[in-house]
Amino acid sequence: MNQAINIYCDESCHLENDQQTAMTMGALWCPESKSHDIFNDIRAIKQKYNLNKKFEIKWTKVSPAKLSFYLELLDYFFNNKNLHFRCLVVPDKGRIDHKIFSQEHDSWYYKIYFDLLKVIFNPDYQYNVYIDIKDTRGGEKKDKLHEILCNNIYDFNREIIKKLQIVKSDEVELIQLADLLIGALSYANRNLNTSEAKNNLIKKIKEKTSYTLSKSTLIQEDKFNILIWKAS
């Protein structure tokens, strides 16, 4: 049996008319066999800082009082060889003209999701994809996304992408960690400077990666992969 990989996905500002410019999607992945240990490690870090193990990690919760906690989470991610991250950033989705490409926002959304995940999939592995879809059409989008992802890699029998499941982010630490990382990419690409604590996290990520966070990395980048998406 091929090794199973779990992929945990989150998205930010993906709706068409949410008055937000930058849209980000992120995927955090690890071997399925390591996921339980990673969840326990993250819960232990929460408890180390006197946080309930059910405390939800979120970019919007970053504050001076919790800065040390979030810095340690970043260290944990970068030091754990089993954890990998890819983020797709659309710097200004308001500039996209769907009419030119004869598409609706929803069909473009699926294309973007495939662009996020396509470099992760390897036919020698099997994948369980866990997503946090935040709108009321989550079930419908989940089914369509699974179909599109499989068809695009000729996985018609779903032998590679075995499962695509909606989960609640407050129950899944690696969705939460994905939220933190895509929040950082969104903040950096909007050139915000509203929080010293968030600035410190951005500085830490730049030091660990040696990337500006505003340019695409090489496709082969395996630890912290960035795609700054541009319409063709």
Foldseek 3Di string as FASTA:
>chain_A
DFFEKEKEKEWDPLDDPPPDFKIKIKIKMFTPVCQVVVLVVLLVLCVVLVHHSLDFQAQVPQAPSCLVSVLVVVVVQLVDPRMAMEMEMALGSVPDDVVVVPDDSLVVSLVVVLVRCVLVFDVRHAYAYEYADDDPCVVVSQVVSVVVNCVVVVVNVNPRDVYYYYDDSSVRRVNRVRNNVRSLLNCLSVVDDDGPSSVVVNVSVCVSPVDSSNDADPSPDTHYGYHHDDDD
